[in-house]
């Protein structure tokens, strides 16, 4: 299945919170069991700032979560570009394109 965001929406992939030993915390353990940052997987035609593979910070409660966690425990969410709080960048100002 392919999801193409409309207008100014961003498709983001996030990983769940884990302890240092790798134990995945359940959703009811914290207000949000997902880290407040993720990797942009697709952008709508109205997006001006976000690009595919950007690492962004956002409020997880503002995202529309699309499905159950995948095999690797990642979740996919859809959020408005205006919900992006920050872009994670290197010290030299280039955006980081890495997996979490």
PDB file of N, CA and C in Angstrom:
ATOM      1  N   UNK A   1       0.845  -1.176   0.000  1.00  0.00           N
ATOM      2  CA  UNK A   1       0.000   0.000   0.000  1.00  0.00           C
ATOM      3  C   UNK A   1       0.894   1.245   0.000  1.00  0.00           C
ATOM      4  N   UNK A   2       0.566   2.198  -0.852  1.00  0.00           N
ATOM      5  CA  UNK A   2       1.296   3.456  -0.929  1.00  0.00           C
ATOM      6  C   UNK A   2       0.413   4.580  -0.424  1.00  0.00           C
ATOM      7  N   UNK A   3       0.954   5.397   0.457  1.00  0.00           N
ATOM      8  CA  UNK A   3       0.215   6.539   0.989  1.00  0.00           C
ATOM      9  C   UNK A   3       0.873   7.805   0.471  1.00  0.00           C
ATOM     10  N   UNK A   4       0.103   8.627  -0.234  1.00  0.00           N
ATOM     11  CA  UNK A   4       0.598   9.904  -0.748  1.00  0.00           C
ATOM     12  C   UNK A   4      -0.133  11.018  -0.007  1.00  0.00           C
ATOM     13  N   UNK A   5       0.559  11.768   0.839  1.00  0.00           N
ATOM     14  CA  UNK A   5      -0.088  12.850   1.591  1.00  0.00           C
ATOM     15  C   UNK A   5      -0.660  13.914   0.656  1.00  0.00           C
ATOM     16  N   UNK A   6      -1.790  14.450   1.039  1.00  0.00           N
ATOM     17  CA  UNK A   6      -2.421  15.534   0.291  1.00  0.00           C
ATOM     18  C   UNK A   6      -2.000  16.877   0.873  1.00  0.00           C
ATOM     19  N   UNK A   7      -2.073  17.895   0.059  1.00  0.00           N
ATOM     20  CA  UNK A   7      -1.834  19.288   0.432  1.00  0.00           C
ATOM     21  C   UNK A   7      -0.569  19.465   1.253  1.00  0.00           C
ATOM     22  N   UNK A   8      -0.690  19.962   2.485  1.00  0.00           N
ATOM     23  CA  UNK A   8       0.513  20.250   3.286  1.00  0.00           C
ATOM     24  C   UNK A   8       0.716  19.224   4.402  1.00  0.00           C
ATOM     25  N   UNK A   9       0.406  17.964   4.117  1.00  0.00           N
ATOM     26  CA  UNK A   9       0.585  16.913   5.116  1.00  0.00           C
ATOM     27  C   UNK A   9       1.893  16.162   4.897  1.00  0.00           C
ATOM     28  N   UNK A  10       2.422  15.619   5.996  1.00  0.00           N
ATOM     29  CA  UNK A  10       3.694  14.914   6.011  1.00  0.00           C
ATOM     30  C   UNK A  10       3.457  13.514   6.564  1.00  0.00           C
ATOM     31  N   UNK A  11       3.998  12.511   5.909  1.00  0.00           N
ATOM     32  CA  UNK A  11       3.952  11.140   6.396  1.00  0.00           C
ATOM     33  C   UNK A  11       5.251  10.891   7.144  1.00  0.00           C
ATOM     34  N   UNK A  12       5.150  10.518   8.408  1.00  0.00           N
ATOM     35  CA  UNK A  12       6.344  10.367   9.251  1.00  0.00           C
ATOM     36  C   UNK A  12       6.361   8.972   9.862  1.00  0.00           C
ATOM     37  N   UNK A  13       7.562   8.417  10.007  1.00  0.00           N
ATOM     38  CA  UNK A  13       7.738   7.112  10.622  1.00  0.00           C
ATOM     39  C   UNK A  13       8.511   7.289  11.921  1.00  0.00           C
ATOM     40  N   UNK A  14       8.012   6.693  12.991  1.00  0.00           N
ATOM     41  CA  UNK A  14       8.658   6.823  14.301  1.00  0.00           C
ATOM     42  C   UNK A  14       8.843   5.458  14.937  1.00  0.00           C
ATOM     43  N   UNK A  15       9.784   5.412  15.863  1.00  0.00           N
ATOM     44  CA  UNK A  15      10.033   4.188  16.623  1.00  0.00           C
ATOM     45  C   UNK A  15       9.524   4.381  18.049  1.00  0.00           C
ATOM     46  N   UNK A  16       9.111   3.304  18.711  1.00  0.00           N
ATOM     47  CA  UNK A  16       8.619   3.430  20.085  1.00  0.00           C
ATOM     48  C   UNK A  16       9.751   3.696  21.065  1.00  0.00           C
ATOM     49  N   UNK A  17       9.383   4.228  22.233  1.00  0.00           N
ATOM     50  CA  UNK A  17      10.365   4.431  23.300  1.00  0.00           C
ATOM     51  C   UNK A  17      10.819   3.086  23.834  1.00  0.00           C
ATOM     52  N   UNK A  18      12.107   2.988  24.139  1.00  0.00           N
ATOM     53  CA  UNK A  18      12.663   1.761  24.688  1.00  0.00           C
ATOM     54  C   UNK A  18      13.551   2.088  25.873  1.00  0.00           C
ATOM     55  N   UNK A  19      13.663   1.117  26.768  1.00  0.00           N
ATOM     56  CA  UNK A  19      14.603   1.273  27.866  1.00  0.00           C
ATOM     57  C   UNK A  19      16.013   1.003  27.339  1.00  0.00           C
ATOM     58  N   UNK A  20      17.029   1.226  28.170  1.00  0.00           N
ATOM     59  CA  UNK A  20      18.414   0.967  27.753  1.00  0.00           C
ATOM     60  C   UNK A  20      18.628  -0.498  27.406  1.00  0.00           C
ATOM     61  N   UNK A  21      17.821  -1.384  28.004  1.00  0.00           N
ATOM     62  CA  UNK A  21      17.949  -2.817  27.744  1.00  0.00           C
ATOM     63  C   UNK A  21      17.140  -3.264  26.534  1.00  0.00           C
ATOM     64  N   UNK A  22      16.466  -2.320  25.858  1.00  0.00           N
ATOM     65  CA  UNK A  22      15.728  -2.662  24.656  1.00  0.00           C
ATOM     66  C   UNK A  22      14.277  -3.051  24.880  1.00  0.00           C
ATOM     67  N   UNK A  23      13.773  -2.883  26.103  1.00  0.00           N
ATOM     68  CA  UNK A  23      12.378  -3.209  26.382  1.00  0.00           C
ATOM     69  C   UNK A  23      11.505  -2.081  25.856  1.00  0.00           C
ATOM     70  N   UNK A  24      10.530  -2.441  25.019  1.00  0.00           N
ATOM     71  CA  UNK A  24       9.623  -1.445  24.449  1.00  0.00           C
ATOM     72  C   UNK A  24       8.571  -1.092  25.490  1.00  0.00           C
ATOM     73  N   UNK A  25       8.421   0.211  25.758  1.00  0.00           N
ATOM     74  CA  UNK A  25       7.438   0.656  26.739  1.00  0.00           C
ATOM     75  C   UNK A  25       6.036   0.627  26.141  1.00  0.00           C
ATOM     76  N   UNK A  26       5.047   0.130  26.895  1.00  0.00           N
ATOM     77  CA  UNK A  26       3.674   0.134  26.391  1.00  0.00           C
ATOM     78  C   UNK A  26       3.125   1.551  26.321  1.00  0.00           C
ATOM     79  N   UNK A  27       2.082   1.739  25.512  1.00  0.00           N
ATOM     80  CA  UNK A  27       1.519   3.065  25.316  1.00  0.00           C
ATOM     81  C   UNK A  27       1.053   3.711  26.613  1.00  0.00           C
ATOM     82  N   UNK A  28       0.534   2.917  27.541  1.00  0.00           N
ATOM     83  CA  UNK A  28       0.014   3.494  28.781  1.00  0.00           C
ATOM     84  C   UNK A  28       1.115   3.803  29.803  1.00  0.00           C
ATOM     85  N   UNK A  29       2.376   3.535  29.467  1.00  0.00           N
ATOM     86  CA  UNK A  29       3.471   3.828  30.393  1.00  0.00           C
ATOM     87  C   UNK A  29       3.807   5.310  30.412  1.00  0.00           C
ATOM     88  N   UNK A  30       3.534   6.001  29.326  1.00  0.00           N
ATOM     89  CA  UNK A  30       3.795   7.439  29.217  1.00  0.00           C
ATOM     90  C   UNK A  30       2.653   8.058  28.435  1.00  0.00           C
ATOM     91  N   UNK A  31       2.593   9.379  28.428  1.00  0.00           N
ATOM     92  CA  UNK A  31       1.557  10.061  27.653  1.00  0.00           C
ATOM     93  C   UNK A  31       1.643   9.655  26.193  1.00  0.00           C
ATOM     94  N   UNK A  32       2.837   9.521  25.694  1.00  0.00           N
ATOM     95  CA  UNK A  32       3.045   9.031  24.334  1.00  0.00           C
ATOM     96  C   UNK A  32       4.183   8.028  24.383  1.00  0.00           C
ATOM     97  N   UNK A  33       3.936   6.846  23.859  1.00  0.00           N
ATOM     98  CA  UNK A  33       4.964   5.812  23.883  1.00  0.00           C
ATOM     99  C   UNK A  33       5.918   5.948  22.708  1.00  0.00           C
ATOM    100  N   UNK A  34       5.780   7.015  21.938  1.00  0.00           N
ATOM    101  CA  UNK A  34       6.642   7.196  20.786  1.00  0.00           C
ATOM    102  C   UNK A  34       7.529   8.408  20.963  1.00  0.00           C
ATOM    103  N   UNK A  35       8.710   8.316  20.422  1.00  0.00           N
ATOM    104  CA  UNK A  35       9.665   9.403  20.514  1.00  0.00           C
ATOM    105  C   UNK A  35       9.114  10.624  19.775  1.00  0.00           C
ATOM    106  N   UNK A  36       9.433  11.829  20.224  1.00  0.00           N
ATOM    107  CA  UNK A  36       8.884  13.036  19.594  1.00  0.00           C
ATOM    108  C   UNK A  36       9.612  13.435  18.318  1.00  0.00           C
ATOM    109  N   UNK A  37      10.270  12.487  17.683  1.00  0.00           N
ATOM    110  CA  UNK A  37      10.907  12.773  16.411  1.00  0.00           C
ATOM    111  C   UNK A  37      10.795  11.554  15.504  1.00  0.00           C
ATOM    112  N   UNK A  38      10.893  11.801  14.222  1.00  0.00           N
ATOM    113  CA  UNK A  38      10.782  10.717  13.263  1.00  0.00           C
ATOM    114  C   UNK A  38      11.397  11.114  11.937  1.00  0.00           C
ATOM    115  N   UNK A  39      11.258  10.233  10.977  1.00  0.00           N
ATOM    116  CA  UNK A  39      11.811  10.444   9.650  1.00  0.00           C
ATOM    117  C   UNK A  39      10.666  10.646   8.663  1.00  0.00           C
ATOM    118  N   UNK A  40      10.751  11.696   7.868  1.00  0.00           N
ATOM    119  CA  UNK A  40       9.727  11.989   6.859  1.00  0.00           C
ATOM    120  C   UNK A  40       9.843  10.961   5.744  1.00  0.00           C
ATOM    121  N   UNK A  41       8.725  10.299   5.431  1.00  0.00           N
ATOM    122  CA  UNK A  41       8.702   9.284   4.383  1.00  0.00           C
ATOM    123  C   UNK A  41       8.050   9.792   3.103  1.00  0.00           C
ATOM    124  N   UNK A  42       7.150  10.771   3.212  1.00  0.00           N
ATOM    125  CA  UNK A  42       6.494  11.355   2.039  1.00  0.00           C
ATOM    126  C   UNK A  42       5.944  12.717   2.427  1.00  0.00           C
ATOM    127  N   UNK A  43       5.822  13.613   1.442  1.00  0.00           N
ATOM    128  CA  UNK A  43       5.265  14.946   1.681  1.00  0.00           C
ATOM    129  C   UNK A  43       4.216  15.252   0.623  1.00  0.00           C
ATOM    130  N   UNK A  44       3.235  16.049   1.019  1.00  0.00           N
ATOM    131  CA  UNK A  44       2.213  16.483   0.080  1.00  0.00           C
ATOM    132  C   UNK A  44       2.731  17.589  -0.818  1.00  0.00           C
ATOM    133  N   UNK A  45       2.001  17.897  -1.914  1.00  0.00           N
ATOM    134  CA  UNK A  45       2.457  18.919  -2.857  1.00  0.00           C
ATOM    135  C   UNK A  45       2.492  20.331  -2.276  1.00  0.00           C
ATOM    136  N   UNK A  46       1.803  20.578  -1.170  1.00  0.00           N
ATOM    137  CA  UNK A  46       1.786  21.910  -0.571  1.00  0.00           C
ATOM    138  C   UNK A  46       2.854  22.134   0.476  1.00  0.00           C
ATOM    139  N   UNK A  47       3.711  21.145   0.722  1.00  0.00           N
ATOM    140  CA  UNK A  47       4.772  21.280   1.730  1.00  0.00           C
ATOM    141  C   UNK A  47       5.923  22.105   1.171  1.00  0.00           C
ATOM    142  N   UNK A  48       6.348  23.094   1.946  1.00  0.00           N
ATOM    143  CA  UNK A  48       7.433  23.966   1.516  1.00  0.00           C
ATOM    144  C   UNK A  48       8.733  23.709   2.260  1.00  0.00           C
ATOM    145  N   UNK A  49       8.651  23.204   3.491  1.00  0.00           N
ATOM    146  CA  UNK A  49       9.842  23.051   4.325  1.00  0.00           C
ATOM    147  C   UNK A  49      10.317  21.613   4.456  1.00  0.00           C
ATOM    148  N   UNK A  50       9.408  20.688   4.651  1.00  0.00           N
ATOM    149  CA  UNK A  50       9.770  19.292   4.890  1.00  0.00           C
ATOM    150  C   UNK A  50      10.066  18.576   3.577  1.00  0.00           C
ATOM    151  N   UNK A  51      11.067  17.694   3.638  1.00  0.00           N
ATOM    152  CA  UNK A  51      11.464  16.891   2.478  1.00  0.00           C
ATOM    153  C   UNK A  51      11.607  15.439   2.921  1.00  0.00           C
ATOM    154  N   UNK A  52      11.487  14.520   1.982  1.00  0.00           N
ATOM    155  CA  UNK A  52      11.659  13.103   2.274  1.00  0.00           C
ATOM    156  C   UNK A  52      13.035  12.875   2.890  1.00  0.00           C
ATOM    157  N   UNK A  53      13.087  12.047   3.913  1.00  0.00           N
ATOM    158  CA  UNK A  53      14.281  11.668   4.679  1.00  0.00           C
ATOM    159  C   UNK A  53      14.724  12.716   5.699  1.00  0.00           C
ATOM    160  N   UNK A  54      14.021  13.842   5.820  1.00  0.00           N
ATOM    161  CA  UNK A  54      14.323  14.790   6.891  1.00  0.00           C
ATOM    162  C   UNK A  54      13.998  14.144   8.228  1.00  0.00           C
ATOM    163  N   UNK A  55      14.787  14.465   9.232  1.00  0.00           N
ATOM    164  CA  UNK A  55      14.493  14.030  10.593  1.00  0.00           C
ATOM    165  C   UNK A  55      13.849  15.219  11.291  1.00  0.00           C
ATOM    166  N   UNK A  56      12.637  15.029  11.805  1.00  0.00           N
ATOM    167  CA  UNK A  56      11.879  16.138  12.372  1.00  0.00           C
ATOM    168  C   UNK A  56      11.470  15.855  13.808  1.00  0.00           C
ATOM    169  N   UNK A  57      11.211  16.939  14.539  1.00  0.00           N
ATOM    170  CA  UNK A  57      10.628  16.852  15.876  1.00  0.00           C
ATOM    171  C   UNK A  57       9.199  17.362  15.772  1.00  0.00           C
ATOM    172  N   UNK A  58       8.280  16.697  16.477  1.00  0.00           N
ATOM    173  CA  UNK A  58       6.872  17.066  16.433  1.00  0.00           C
ATOM    174  C   UNK A  58       6.180  16.560  17.695  1.00  0.00           C
ATOM    175  N   UNK A  59       4.944  16.969  17.887  1.00  0.00           N
ATOM    176  CA  UNK A  59       4.150  16.480  19.017  1.00  0.00           C
ATOM    177  C   UNK A  59       3.401  15.227  18.568  1.00  0.00           C
ATOM    178  N   UNK A  60       3.715  14.054  19.143  1.00  0.00           N
ATOM    179  CA  UNK A  60       3.072  12.809  18.700  1.00  0.00           C
ATOM    180  C   UNK A  60       1.549  12.839  18.814  1.00  0.00           C
ATOM    181  N   UNK A  61       1.016  13.596  19.770  1.00  0.00           N
ATOM    182  CA  UNK A  61      -0.442  13.632  19.931  1.00  0.00           C
ATOM    183  C   UNK A  61      -1.146  14.383  18.804  1.00  0.00           C
ATOM    184  N   UNK A  62      -0.399  15.121  17.975  1.00  0.00           N
ATOM    185  CA  UNK A  62      -0.988  15.842  16.851  1.00  0.00           C
ATOM    186  C   UNK A  62      -1.031  15.010  15.579  1.00  0.00           C
ATOM    187  N   UNK A  63      -0.419  13.838  15.605  1.00  0.00           N
ATOM    188  CA  UNK A  63      -0.388  12.983  14.414  1.00  0.00           C
ATOM    189  C   UNK A  63      -1.624  12.089  14.365  1.00  0.00           C
ATOM    190  N   UNK A  64      -2.008  11.723  13.162  1.00  0.00           N
ATOM    191  CA  UNK A  64      -3.049  10.719  12.940  1.00  0.00           C
ATOM    192  C   UNK A  64      -2.296   9.424  12.657  1.00  0.00           C
ATOM    193  N   UNK A  65      -2.383   8.462  13.573  1.00  0.00           N
ATOM    194  CA  UNK A  65      -1.637   7.212  13.424  1.00  0.00           C
ATOM    195  C   UNK A  65      -2.415   6.297  12.509  1.00  0.00           C
ATOM    196  N   UNK A  66      -1.749   5.739  11.503  1.00  0.00           N
ATOM    197  CA  UNK A  66      -2.424   5.059  10.411  1.00  0.00           C
ATOM    198  C   UNK A  66      -2.687   3.575  10.620  1.00  0.00           C
ATOM    199  N   UNK A  67      -1.834   2.893  11.330  1.00  0.00           N
ATOM    200  CA  UNK A  67      -1.996   1.446  11.425  1.00  0.00           C
ATOM    201  C   UNK A  67      -1.312   0.922  12.683  1.00  0.00           C
ATOM    202  N   UNK A  68      -1.444  -0.369  12.874  1.00  0.00           N
ATOM    203  CA  UNK A  68      -0.761  -1.033  13.973  1.00  0.00           C
ATOM    204  C   UNK A  68       0.742  -0.995  13.719  1.00  0.00           C
ATOM    205  N   UNK A  69       1.551  -1.144  14.772  1.00  0.00           N
ATOM    206  CA  UNK A  69       3.007  -1.153  14.574  1.00  0.00           C
ATOM    207  C   UNK A  69       3.431  -2.225  13.584  1.00  0.00           C
ATOM    208  N   UNK A  70       4.459  -1.918  12.810  1.00  0.00           N
ATOM    209  CA  UNK A  70       5.006  -2.881  11.865  1.00  0.00           C
ATOM    210  C   UNK A  70       5.863  -3.883  12.621  1.00  0.00           C
ATOM    211  N   UNK A  71       6.427  -4.854  11.911  1.00  0.00           N
ATOM    212  CA  UNK A  71       7.236  -5.896  12.549  1.00  0.00           C
ATOM    213  C   UNK A  71       8.389  -5.324  13.367  1.00  0.00           C
ATOM    214  N   UNK A  72       8.988  -4.235  12.893  1.00  0.00           N
ATOM    215  CA  UNK A  72      10.112  -3.636  13.620  1.00  0.00           C
ATOM    216  C   UNK A  72       9.646  -2.625  14.665  1.00  0.00           C
ATOM    217  N   UNK A  73       8.358  -2.629  14.973  1.00  0.00           N
ATOM    218  CA  UNK A  73       7.731  -1.797  16.017  1.00  0.00           C
ATOM    219  C   UNK A  73       7.576  -0.331  15.625  1.00  0.00           C
ATOM    220  N   UNK A  74       7.880   0.034  14.388  1.00  0.00           N
ATOM    221  CA  UNK A  74       7.712   1.422  13.970  1.00  0.00           C
ATOM    222  C   UNK A  74       6.244   1.705  13.683  1.00  0.00           C
ATOM    223  N   UNK A  75       5.881   2.974  13.813  1.00  0.00           N
ATOM    224  CA  UNK A  75       4.521   3.418  13.510  1.00  0.00           C
ATOM    225  C   UNK A  75       4.597   4.492  12.437  1.00  0.00           C
ATOM    226  N   UNK A  76       3.531   4.588  11.651  1.00  0.00           N
ATOM    227  CA  UNK A  76       3.446   5.592  10.607  1.00  0.00           C
ATOM    228  C   UNK A  76       2.322   6.548  10.946  1.00  0.00           C
ATOM    229  N   UNK A  77       2.613   7.837  10.873  1.00  0.00           N
ATOM    230  CA  UNK A  77       1.615   8.851  11.193  1.00  0.00           C
ATOM    231  C   UNK A  77       1.563   9.932  10.133  1.00  0.00           C
ATOM    232  N   UNK A  78       0.445  10.617  10.099  1.00  0.00           N
ATOM    233  CA  UNK A  78       0.234  11.704   9.158  1.00  0.00           C
ATOM    234  C   UNK A  78       0.010  12.968   9.976  1.00  0.00           C
ATOM    235  N   UNK A  79       0.759  14.034   9.665  1.00  0.00           N
ATOM    236  CA  UNK A  79       0.569  15.277  10.381  1.00  0.00           C
ATOM    237  C   UNK A  79       0.734  16.456   9.443  1.00  0.00           C
ATOM    238  N   UNK A  80       0.137  17.564   9.828  1.00  0.00           N
ATOM    239  CA  UNK A  80       0.219  18.794   9.058  1.00  0.00           C
ATOM    240  C   UNK A  80       1.638  19.349   9.176  1.00  0.00           C
ATOM    241  N   UNK A  81       2.154  19.908   8.089  1.00  0.00           N
ATOM    242  CA  UNK A  81       3.516  20.449   8.110  1.00  0.00           C
ATOM    243  C   UNK A  81       3.677  21.514   9.191  1.00  0.00           C
ATOM    244  N   UNK A  82       2.607  22.232   9.512  1.00  0.00           N
ATOM    245  CA  UNK A  82       2.695  23.251  10.562  1.00  0.00           C
ATOM    246  C   UNK A  82       2.884  22.639  11.950  1.00  0.00           C
ATOM    247  N   UNK A  83       2.688  21.320  12.089  1.00  0.00           N
ATOM    248  CA  UNK A  83       2.921  20.637  13.362  1.00  0.00           C
ATOM    249  C   UNK A  83       4.381  20.257  13.565  1.00  0.00           C
ATOM    250  N   UNK A  84       5.206  20.448  12.529  1.00  0.00           N
ATOM    251  CA  UNK A  84       6.638  20.173  12.658  1.00  0.00           C
ATOM    252  C   UNK A  84       7.241  21.267  13.526  1.00  0.00           C
ATOM    253  N   UNK A  85       7.866  20.869  14.624  1.00  0.00           N
ATOM    254  CA  UNK A  85       8.440  21.825  15.566  1.00  0.00           C
ATOM    255  C   UNK A  85       9.866  22.207  15.196  1.00  0.00           C
ATOM    256  N   UNK A  86      10.637  21.242  14.660  1.00  0.00           N
ATOM    257  CA  UNK A  86      12.037  21.505  14.353  1.00  0.00           C
ATOM    258  C   UNK A  86      12.571  20.460  13.394  1.00  0.00           C
ATOM    259  N   UNK A  87      13.643  20.842  12.694  1.00  0.00           N
ATOM    260  CA  UNK A  87      14.384  19.922  11.851  1.00  0.00           C
ATOM    261  C   UNK A  87      15.703  19.635  12.552  1.00  0.00           C
ATOM    262  N   UNK A  88      16.118  18.370  12.572  1.00  0.00           N
ATOM    263  CA  UNK A  88      17.378  17.993  13.193  1.00  0.00           C
ATOM    264  C   UNK A  88      18.471  18.178  12.147  1.00  0.00           C
ATOM    265  N   UNK A  89      19.492  18.973  12.503  1.00  0.00           N
ATOM    266  CA  UNK A  89      20.566  19.295  11.564  1.00  0.00           C
ATOM    267  C   UNK A  89      21.927  19.011  12.169  1.00  0.00           C
ATOM    268  N   UNK A  90      22.907  18.823  11.301  1.00  0.00           N
ATOM    269  CA  UNK A  90      24.308  18.695  11.711  1.00  0.00           C
ATOM    270  C   UNK A  90      24.799  20.038  12.221  1.00  0.00           C
ATOM    271  N   UNK A  91      25.986  20.063  12.817  1.00  0.00           N
ATOM    272  CA  UNK A  91      26.581  21.311  13.296  1.00  0.00           C
ATOM    273  C   UNK A  91      26.855  22.308  12.170  1.00  0.00           C
ATOM    274  N   UNK A  92      27.077  21.802  10.962  1.00  0.00           N
ATOM    275  CA  UNK A  92      27.359  22.703   9.849  1.00  0.00           C
ATOM    276  C   UNK A  92      26.086  23.194   9.149  1.00  0.00           C
ATOM    277  N   UNK A  93      24.937  22.845   9.687  1.00  0.00           N
ATOM    278  CA  UNK A  93      23.666  23.341   9.142  1.00  0.00           C
ATOM    279  C   UNK A  93      22.997  22.434   8.127  1.00  0.00           C
ATOM    280  N   UNK A  94      23.638  21.312   7.774  1.00  0.00           N
ATOM    281  CA  UNK A  94      22.998  20.399   6.829  1.00  0.00           C
ATOM    282  C   UNK A  94      22.050  19.479   7.579  1.00  0.00           C
ATOM    283  N   UNK A  95      20.929  19.214   6.947  1.00  0.00           N
ATOM    284  CA  UNK A  95      19.954  18.339   7.577  1.00  0.00           C
ATOM    285  C   UNK A  95      20.475  16.925   7.639  1.00  0.00           C
ATOM    286  N   UNK A  96      20.179  16.250   8.744  1.00  0.00           N
ATOM    287  CA  UNK A  96      20.622  14.880   8.949  1.00  0.00           C
ATOM    288  C   UNK A  96      19.608  13.947   8.295  1.00  0.00           C
ATOM    289  N   UNK A  97      20.083  13.016   7.508  1.00  0.00           N
ATOM    290  CA  UNK A  97      19.238  12.011   6.876  1.00  0.00           C
ATOM    291  C   UNK A  97      19.710  10.643   7.361  1.00  0.00           C
ATOM    292  N   UNK A  98      19.251  10.283   8.567  1.00  0.00           N
ATOM    293  CA  UNK A  98      19.668   9.013   9.147  1.00  0.00           C
ATOM    294  C   UNK A  98      18.455   8.293   9.710  1.00  0.00           C
ATOM    295  N   UNK A  99      18.606   7.019   9.963  1.00  0.00           N
ATOM    296  CA  UNK A  99      17.552   6.269  10.634  1.00  0.00           C
ATOM    297  C   UNK A  99      17.748   6.440  12.126  1.00  0.00           C
ATOM    298  N   UNK A 100      16.682   6.309  12.872  1.00  0.00           N
ATOM    299  CA  UNK A 100      16.742   6.528  14.315  1.00  0.00           C
ATOM    300  C   UNK A 100      17.427   5.383  15.008  1.00  0.00           C
TER     301      UNK A 100
END
